[in-house]
C-alpha atoms as a PDB file:
ATOM      1  CA  MET A   1       3.346 -38.400 -23.677  1.00  0.00           C
ATOM      2  CA  LYS A   2      -0.119 -37.380 -24.189  1.00  0.00           C
ATOM      3  CA  GLN A   3      -0.849 -37.826 -20.486  1.00  0.00           C
ATOM      4  CA  LEU A   4       2.113 -35.598 -19.621  1.00  0.00           C
ATOM      5  CA  SER A   5       1.039 -32.897 -22.088  1.00  0.00           C
ATOM      6  CA  GLY A   6      -2.415 -32.914 -20.672  1.00  0.00           C
ATOM      7  CA  LYS A   7      -1.192 -32.648 -16.994  1.00  0.00           C
ATOM      8  CA  ILE A   8       1.210 -29.719 -18.067  1.00  0.00           C
ATOM      9  CA  ALA A   9      -1.930 -27.998 -19.671  1.00  0.00           C
ATOM     10  CA  GLU A  10      -3.993 -28.619 -16.541  1.00  0.00           C
ATOM     11  CA  LEU A  11      -1.086 -27.245 -14.282  1.00  0.00           C
ATOM     12  CA  ARG A  12      -0.963 -24.236 -16.550  1.00  0.00           C
ATOM     13  CA  GLY A  13      -4.515 -23.586 -16.190  1.00  0.00           C
ATOM     14  CA  GLU A  14      -4.313 -23.856 -12.384  1.00  0.00           C
ATOM     15  CA  LEU A  15      -1.408 -21.550 -12.296  1.00  0.00           C
ATOM     16  CA  GLU A  16      -3.125 -18.881 -14.379  1.00  0.00           C
ATOM     17  CA  SER A  17      -6.307 -19.264 -12.418  1.00  0.00           C
ATOM     18  CA  PHE A  18      -4.267 -18.800  -9.120  1.00  0.00           C
ATOM     19  CA  SER A  19      -2.326 -15.778 -10.456  1.00  0.00           C
ATOM     20  CA  THR A  20      -5.753 -14.208 -11.516  1.00  0.00           C
ATOM     21  CA  GLY A  21      -7.314 -14.705  -8.063  1.00  0.00           C
ATOM     22  CA  VAL A  22      -4.087 -13.519  -6.323  1.00  0.00           C
ATOM     23  CA  VAL A  23      -4.030 -10.175  -8.388  1.00  0.00           C
ATOM     24  CA  ALA A  24      -7.792  -9.791  -7.790  1.00  0.00           C
ATOM     25  CA  ARG A  25      -7.381 -10.153  -4.057  1.00  0.00           C
ATOM     26  CA  LEU A  26      -4.210  -7.926  -3.774  1.00  0.00           C
ATOM     27  CA  LYS A  27      -5.334  -5.034  -5.931  1.00  0.00           C
ATOM     28  CA  PRO A  28      -7.963  -3.735  -3.370  1.00  0.00           C
ATOM     29  CA  ILE A  29      -5.502  -4.407  -0.510  1.00  0.00           C
ATOM     30  CA  ARG A  30      -2.875  -2.447  -2.502  1.00  0.00           C
ATOM     31  CA  THR A  31      -5.124   0.451  -3.157  1.00  0.00           C
ATOM     32  CA  GLU A  32      -6.454   0.640   0.466  1.00  0.00           C
ATOM     33  CA  ALA A  33      -2.875   0.639   1.737  1.00  0.00           C
ATOM     34  CA  GLU A  34      -1.882   3.549  -0.624  1.00  0.00           C
ATOM     35  CA  ALA A  35      -4.963   5.510   0.735  1.00  0.00           C
ATOM     36  CA  LEU A  36      -3.863   4.871   4.168  1.00  0.00           C
ATOM     37  CA  THR A  37      -0.357   5.897   3.571  1.00  0.00           C
ATOM     38  CA  GLY A  38      -1.670   9.220   2.096  1.00  0.00           C
ATOM     39  CA  LYS A  39      -3.748   9.919   5.147  1.00  0.00           C
ATOM     40  CA  LEU A  40      -0.720   8.997   7.461  1.00  0.00           C
ATOM     41  CA  GLU A  41       1.434  11.360   5.549  1.00  0.00           C
ATOM     42  CA  ALA A  42      -1.247  14.150   5.822  1.00  0.00           C
ATOM     43  CA  ALA A  43      -1.471  13.603   9.513  1.00  0.00           C
ATOM     44  CA  ILE A  44       2.383  13.771  10.045  1.00  0.00           C
ATOM     45  CA  GLY A  45       2.522  16.820   7.941  1.00  0.00           C
ATOM     46  CA  SER A  46      -0.138  18.558   9.963  1.00  0.00           C
ATOM     47  CA  LEU A  47       1.809  17.776  13.135  1.00  0.00           C
ATOM     48  CA  ARG A  48       4.980  19.113  11.931  1.00  0.00           C
ATOM     49  CA  PRO A  49       4.452  22.771  12.576  1.00  0.00           C
ATOM     50  CA  GLU A  50       3.414  21.959  16.226  1.00  0.00           C
ATOM     51  CA  VAL A  51       6.536  19.772  16.655  1.00  0.00           C
ATOM     52  CA  ASP A  52       8.695  22.512  14.945  1.00  0.00           C
ATOM     53  CA  ALA A  53       7.343  25.314  17.333  1.00  0.00           C
ATOM     54  CA  PHE A  54       7.825  22.975  20.364  1.00  0.00           C
ATOM     55  CA  GLY A  55      11.390  22.185  19.205  1.00  0.00           C
ATOM     56  CA  GLY A  56      12.179  25.940  18.778  1.00  0.00           C
ATOM     57  CA  GLU A  57      10.791  26.709  22.250  1.00  0.00           C
ATOM     58  CA  LEU A  58      12.781  23.898  23.921  1.00  0.00           C
ATOM     59  CA  SER A  59      15.912  24.949  22.009  1.00  0.00           C
ATOM     60  CA  LYS A  60      15.568  28.547  23.464  1.00  0.00           C
ATOM     61  CA  GLN A  61      15.043  27.343  26.841  1.00  0.00           C
ATOM     62  CA  ILE A  62      18.113  25.160  26.582  1.00  0.00           C
ATOM     63  CA  ASP A  63      20.107  28.173  25.391  1.00  0.00           C
ATOM     64  CA  ALA A  64      18.949  30.215  28.230  1.00  0.00           C
ATOM     65  CA  LEU A  65      19.938  27.345  30.745  1.00  0.00           C
ATOM     66  CA  ASP A  66      23.431  27.075  29.057  1.00  0.00           C
ATOM     67  CA  ALA A  67      23.732  31.005  29.392  1.00  0.00           C
ATOM     68  CA  GLU A  68      22.855  30.965  32.996  1.00  0.00           C
ATOM     69  CA  LEU A  69      25.322  28.033  33.633  1.00  0.00           C
ATOM     70  CA  ALA A  70      27.983  30.064  31.804  1.00  0.00           C
ATOM     71  CA  GLU A  71      27.447  33.031  34.161  1.00  0.00           C
ATOM     72  CA  MET A  72      27.736  30.802  37.255  1.00  0.00           C
ATOM     73  CA  GLU A  73      31.094  29.622  36.355  1.00  0.00           C
ATOM     74  CA  PRO A  74      34.082  31.225  37.897  1.00  0.00           C
END
């Protein structure tokens, strides 16, 4: 019984050590991922006006072509 209690204490210590190590390694990775996510959101946000303008122009061209086709129909 004493050996079993000792082994449990040893395993508990290893688990706590492992947990501490994992947290220490994951925290900087998470921070970096959050920073990259912010940069990605900013980049996409800066592209949005260009995409919206392009989409608007493309929509106008499609509408103009639709109007031309409608005039050609008997």
